[in-house]
N, C-alpha and C. Protein backbone atom coordinates (compact mmCIF):
# COMPACT_ATOMS: atom_id res chain seq x y z
N MET A 1 0.86 -1.16 0.00
CA MET A 1 0.00 0.00 0.00
C MET A 1 0.91 1.23 0.00
N SER A 2 0.58 2.17 -0.85
CA SER A 2 1.40 3.37 -0.93
C SER A 2 1.19 4.25 0.29
N LYS A 3 2.17 5.11 0.54
CA LYS A 3 2.08 6.02 1.69
C LYS A 3 0.91 6.98 1.52
N LEU A 4 0.67 7.44 0.28
CA LEU A 4 -0.44 8.35 0.02
C LEU A 4 -1.77 7.67 0.32
N ARG A 5 -1.91 6.43 -0.11
CA ARG A 5 -3.16 5.70 0.16
C ARG A 5 -3.36 5.50 1.66
N ALA A 6 -2.28 5.17 2.37
CA ALA A 6 -2.37 4.99 3.82
C ALA A 6 -2.78 6.29 4.50
N LEU A 7 -2.23 7.41 4.03
CA LEU A 7 -2.57 8.71 4.60
C LEU A 7 -4.03 9.05 4.33
N ILE A 8 -4.51 8.77 3.12
CA ILE A 8 -5.91 9.03 2.77
C ILE A 8 -6.84 8.17 3.62
N LEU A 9 -6.48 6.89 3.80
CA LEU A 9 -7.31 6.01 4.62
C LEU A 9 -7.34 6.47 6.08
N ALA A 10 -6.20 6.90 6.59
CA ALA A 10 -6.15 7.39 7.97
C ALA A 10 -6.99 8.65 8.14
N ALA A 11 -6.92 9.57 7.17
CA ALA A 11 -7.71 10.79 7.24
C ALA A 11 -9.19 10.48 7.14
N ALA A 12 -9.55 9.56 6.26
CA ALA A 12 -10.95 9.17 6.11
C ALA A 12 -11.47 8.53 7.39
N ALA A 13 -10.66 7.67 7.99
CA ALA A 13 -11.07 7.01 9.23
C ALA A 13 -11.28 8.02 10.34
N ALA A 14 -10.39 9.01 10.42
CA ALA A 14 -10.51 10.03 11.46
C ALA A 14 -11.75 10.89 11.25
N SER A 15 -12.10 11.12 9.99
CA SER A 15 -13.26 11.98 9.72
C SER A 15 -14.59 11.25 9.87
N LEU A 16 -14.57 9.94 9.92
CA LEU A 16 -15.81 9.18 10.04
C LEU A 16 -16.36 9.18 11.45
N GLY A 17 -15.60 9.60 12.40
CA GLY A 17 -16.09 9.72 13.77
C GLY A 17 -16.46 8.40 14.40
N GLY A 18 -15.57 7.42 14.39
CA GLY A 18 -15.84 6.17 15.08
C GLY A 18 -16.17 5.01 14.17
N PHE A 19 -16.35 5.23 12.90
CA PHE A 19 -16.61 4.13 11.98
C PHE A 19 -15.30 3.44 11.64
N ALA A 20 -15.33 2.13 11.54
CA ALA A 20 -14.12 1.37 11.25
C ALA A 20 -13.88 1.29 9.75
N VAL A 21 -12.62 1.31 9.37
CA VAL A 21 -12.22 1.15 7.98
C VAL A 21 -11.25 -0.01 7.93
N ALA A 22 -11.40 -0.89 6.96
CA ALA A 22 -10.52 -2.05 6.86
C ALA A 22 -10.01 -2.20 5.44
N ASP A 23 -8.91 -2.91 5.32
CA ASP A 23 -8.33 -3.20 4.03
C ASP A 23 -7.95 -4.67 4.02
N THR A 24 -7.89 -5.27 2.85
CA THR A 24 -7.50 -6.66 2.72
C THR A 24 -6.02 -6.73 2.39
N LEU A 25 -5.29 -7.55 3.11
CA LEU A 25 -3.87 -7.70 2.90
C LEU A 25 -3.61 -9.06 2.26
N GLN A 26 -2.99 -9.07 1.09
CA GLN A 26 -2.60 -10.31 0.42
C GLN A 26 -1.09 -10.41 0.48
N MET A 27 -0.59 -11.41 1.20
CA MET A 27 0.85 -11.57 1.34
C MET A 27 1.37 -12.52 0.27
N GLU A 28 2.61 -12.29 -0.17
CA GLU A 28 3.22 -13.16 -1.16
C GLU A 28 3.28 -14.58 -0.64
N GLY A 29 3.06 -15.54 -1.53
CA GLY A 29 3.18 -16.94 -1.16
C GLY A 29 1.96 -17.50 -0.44
N THR A 30 0.89 -16.72 -0.38
CA THR A 30 -0.32 -17.22 0.27
C THR A 30 -1.47 -17.18 -0.72
N ASN A 31 -2.48 -17.95 -0.42
CA ASN A 31 -3.68 -17.96 -1.22
C ASN A 31 -4.85 -17.99 -0.27
N ASN A 32 -5.41 -16.83 0.02
CA ASN A 32 -6.50 -16.74 1.00
C ASN A 32 -7.70 -17.59 0.62
N ALA A 33 -7.95 -17.72 -0.66
CA ALA A 33 -9.11 -18.51 -1.09
C ALA A 33 -8.99 -19.95 -0.62
N SER A 34 -7.78 -20.52 -0.67
CA SER A 34 -7.61 -21.91 -0.28
C SER A 34 -7.80 -22.12 1.21
N ARG A 35 -7.60 -21.08 2.03
CA ARG A 35 -7.81 -21.21 3.47
C ARG A 35 -9.25 -21.58 3.78
N PHE A 36 -10.16 -21.07 2.99
CA PHE A 36 -11.58 -21.28 3.26
C PHE A 36 -12.15 -22.45 2.48
N GLU A 37 -11.35 -23.06 1.67
CA GLU A 37 -11.82 -24.16 0.84
C GLU A 37 -11.82 -25.45 1.65
N GLN A 38 -12.95 -26.07 1.80
CA GLN A 38 -13.05 -27.32 2.53
C GLN A 38 -13.49 -28.45 1.62
N ALA A 39 -13.66 -28.16 0.34
CA ALA A 39 -14.15 -29.19 -0.59
C ALA A 39 -13.24 -30.41 -0.54
N GLY A 40 -13.84 -31.56 -0.41
CA GLY A 40 -13.07 -32.80 -0.40
C GLY A 40 -12.52 -33.19 0.95
N LYS A 41 -12.80 -32.43 1.97
CA LYS A 41 -12.33 -32.74 3.32
C LYS A 41 -13.51 -32.73 4.29
N PRO A 42 -13.38 -33.44 5.40
CA PRO A 42 -14.45 -33.41 6.41
C PRO A 42 -14.64 -31.99 6.96
N SER A 43 -15.85 -31.70 7.34
CA SER A 43 -16.14 -30.37 7.90
C SER A 43 -16.20 -30.45 9.42
N ARG A 44 -16.00 -29.31 10.03
CA ARG A 44 -15.99 -29.19 11.48
C ARG A 44 -17.30 -29.73 12.07
N GLY A 45 -17.18 -30.49 13.14
CA GLY A 45 -18.35 -31.02 13.83
C GLY A 45 -18.75 -32.42 13.42
N MET A 46 -18.21 -32.92 12.31
CA MET A 46 -18.54 -34.29 11.89
C MET A 46 -18.02 -35.28 12.93
N THR A 47 -18.72 -36.38 13.09
CA THR A 47 -18.26 -37.42 14.01
C THR A 47 -17.22 -38.30 13.32
N GLN A 48 -16.47 -39.04 14.12
CA GLN A 48 -15.50 -39.98 13.56
C GLN A 48 -16.20 -41.02 12.70
N ALA A 49 -17.36 -41.49 13.15
CA ALA A 49 -18.10 -42.49 12.39
C ALA A 49 -18.52 -41.94 11.03
N ARG A 50 -18.95 -40.68 10.99
CA ARG A 50 -19.36 -40.06 9.72
C ARG A 50 -18.15 -39.87 8.79
N VAL A 51 -17.02 -39.44 9.36
CA VAL A 51 -15.80 -39.28 8.54
C VAL A 51 -15.41 -40.61 7.92
N GLU A 52 -15.42 -41.66 8.73
CA GLU A 52 -15.05 -42.98 8.21
C GLU A 52 -16.05 -43.48 7.17
N ALA A 53 -17.33 -43.20 7.38
CA ALA A 53 -18.35 -43.61 6.41
C ALA A 53 -18.19 -42.85 5.09
N ASP A 54 -17.87 -41.56 5.16
CA ASP A 54 -17.76 -40.73 3.96
C ASP A 54 -16.41 -40.85 3.25
N TYR A 55 -15.33 -41.05 4.00
CA TYR A 55 -13.98 -41.00 3.42
C TYR A 55 -13.23 -42.32 3.52
N GLY A 56 -13.81 -43.32 4.18
CA GLY A 56 -13.16 -44.61 4.31
C GLY A 56 -12.19 -44.65 5.47
N GLN A 57 -11.49 -45.77 5.57
CA GLN A 57 -10.53 -45.96 6.65
C GLN A 57 -9.33 -45.04 6.42
N PRO A 58 -8.83 -44.40 7.46
CA PRO A 58 -7.63 -43.57 7.30
C PRO A 58 -6.40 -44.45 7.08
N GLN A 59 -5.36 -43.87 6.52
CA GLN A 59 -4.09 -44.60 6.36
C GLN A 59 -3.48 -44.89 7.72
N GLN A 60 -3.64 -43.94 8.63
CA GLN A 60 -3.09 -44.10 9.98
C GLN A 60 -3.94 -43.34 10.98
N ARG A 61 -4.09 -43.93 12.16
CA ARG A 61 -4.80 -43.27 13.28
C ARG A 61 -3.78 -43.02 14.39
N HIS A 62 -3.77 -41.80 14.89
CA HIS A 62 -2.89 -41.44 16.00
C HIS A 62 -3.76 -41.28 17.23
N GLY A 63 -3.36 -41.90 18.32
CA GLY A 63 -4.14 -41.88 19.55
C GLY A 63 -4.29 -40.49 20.14
N ALA A 64 -5.28 -40.36 20.99
CA ALA A 64 -5.59 -39.07 21.63
C ALA A 64 -4.49 -38.65 22.59
N VAL A 65 -4.24 -37.33 22.60
CA VAL A 65 -3.23 -36.75 23.47
C VAL A 65 -3.83 -35.52 24.14
N GLY A 66 -3.53 -35.31 25.42
CA GLY A 66 -3.91 -34.08 26.11
C GLY A 66 -5.30 -34.09 26.70
N ASP A 67 -5.68 -32.93 27.20
CA ASP A 67 -6.99 -32.74 27.82
C ASP A 67 -7.52 -31.37 27.39
N PRO A 68 -8.51 -31.28 26.53
CA PRO A 68 -9.30 -32.38 25.99
C PRO A 68 -8.48 -33.23 25.03
N PRO A 69 -8.89 -34.49 24.88
CA PRO A 69 -8.13 -35.40 24.03
C PRO A 69 -8.23 -35.02 22.55
N ILE A 70 -7.07 -34.85 21.90
CA ILE A 70 -7.01 -34.53 20.48
C ILE A 70 -6.36 -35.71 19.77
N SER A 71 -7.05 -36.24 18.77
CA SER A 71 -6.50 -37.35 17.98
C SER A 71 -6.41 -36.92 16.52
N ARG A 72 -5.69 -37.71 15.73
CA ARG A 72 -5.44 -37.35 14.34
C ARG A 72 -5.58 -38.59 13.45
N TRP A 73 -6.23 -38.39 12.31
CA TRP A 73 -6.32 -39.43 11.30
C TRP A 73 -5.66 -38.91 10.04
N ASP A 74 -4.80 -39.73 9.42
CA ASP A 74 -4.12 -39.35 8.19
C ASP A 74 -4.78 -40.02 6.99
N TYR A 75 -5.14 -39.21 6.01
CA TYR A 75 -5.67 -39.67 4.73
C TYR A 75 -4.66 -39.28 3.65
N PRO A 76 -4.76 -39.83 2.44
CA PRO A 76 -3.78 -39.52 1.40
C PRO A 76 -3.63 -38.02 1.10
N GLY A 77 -4.70 -37.27 1.06
CA GLY A 77 -4.61 -35.87 0.69
C GLY A 77 -4.81 -34.87 1.81
N PHE A 78 -5.18 -35.35 2.98
CA PHE A 78 -5.47 -34.44 4.09
C PHE A 78 -5.32 -35.14 5.43
N VAL A 79 -5.32 -34.35 6.49
CA VAL A 79 -5.24 -34.85 7.86
C VAL A 79 -6.43 -34.28 8.62
N VAL A 80 -7.05 -35.11 9.45
CA VAL A 80 -8.22 -34.69 10.23
C VAL A 80 -7.87 -34.73 11.71
N PHE A 81 -8.19 -33.65 12.42
CA PHE A 81 -7.96 -33.57 13.87
C PHE A 81 -9.31 -33.63 14.57
N PHE A 82 -9.39 -34.45 15.61
CA PHE A 82 -10.62 -34.63 16.38
C PHE A 82 -10.41 -34.19 17.82
N GLU A 83 -11.45 -33.60 18.40
CA GLU A 83 -11.52 -33.39 19.84
C GLU A 83 -12.62 -34.30 20.30
N TYR A 84 -12.29 -35.23 21.17
CA TYR A 84 -13.17 -36.35 21.51
C TYR A 84 -13.48 -37.07 20.20
N ASP A 85 -14.73 -37.11 19.75
CA ASP A 85 -15.04 -37.80 18.50
C ASP A 85 -15.54 -36.85 17.41
N ARG A 86 -15.28 -35.55 17.56
CA ARG A 86 -15.75 -34.55 16.59
C ARG A 86 -14.59 -33.87 15.87
N VAL A 87 -14.77 -33.62 14.57
CA VAL A 87 -13.75 -32.93 13.78
C VAL A 87 -13.63 -31.49 14.27
N VAL A 88 -12.39 -31.08 14.55
CA VAL A 88 -12.13 -29.68 14.87
C VAL A 88 -11.39 -28.99 13.73
N HIS A 89 -10.67 -29.79 12.90
CA HIS A 89 -9.94 -29.19 11.79
C HIS A 89 -9.54 -30.27 10.79
N ALA A 90 -9.54 -29.92 9.52
CA ALA A 90 -9.04 -30.82 8.47
C ALA A 90 -8.13 -29.98 7.58
N VAL A 91 -6.91 -30.43 7.37
CA VAL A 91 -5.94 -29.66 6.60
C VAL A 91 -5.43 -30.48 5.42
N THR A 92 -5.15 -29.80 4.33
CA THR A 92 -4.60 -30.44 3.14
C THR A 92 -3.12 -30.68 3.33
N LYS A 93 -2.66 -31.85 2.91
CA LYS A 93 -1.23 -32.16 2.96
C LYS A 93 -0.54 -31.46 1.81
N ARG A 94 0.69 -31.03 2.02
CA ARG A 94 1.48 -30.43 0.94
C ARG A 94 2.15 -31.49 0.14
């Protein structure tokens, strides 16, 4: 962002009297669209039974660790993390 643009945004924000102004930052080497893409992976809240029914047996299951217990299942293209028996996150493998 240029210095002039930053100055204009700051002046506009100050003149709005309490209204928030935001900008989107795209950093090199990142793809924000892929962060929100869940296609082809289990979604948050799915049960282990549902994940196994929809995606089959994982290549490997890692036992629960910690409190609350977090476990991990490895699939060919992604990894699924569970808290108890519910999906908390699914990430694509590089």
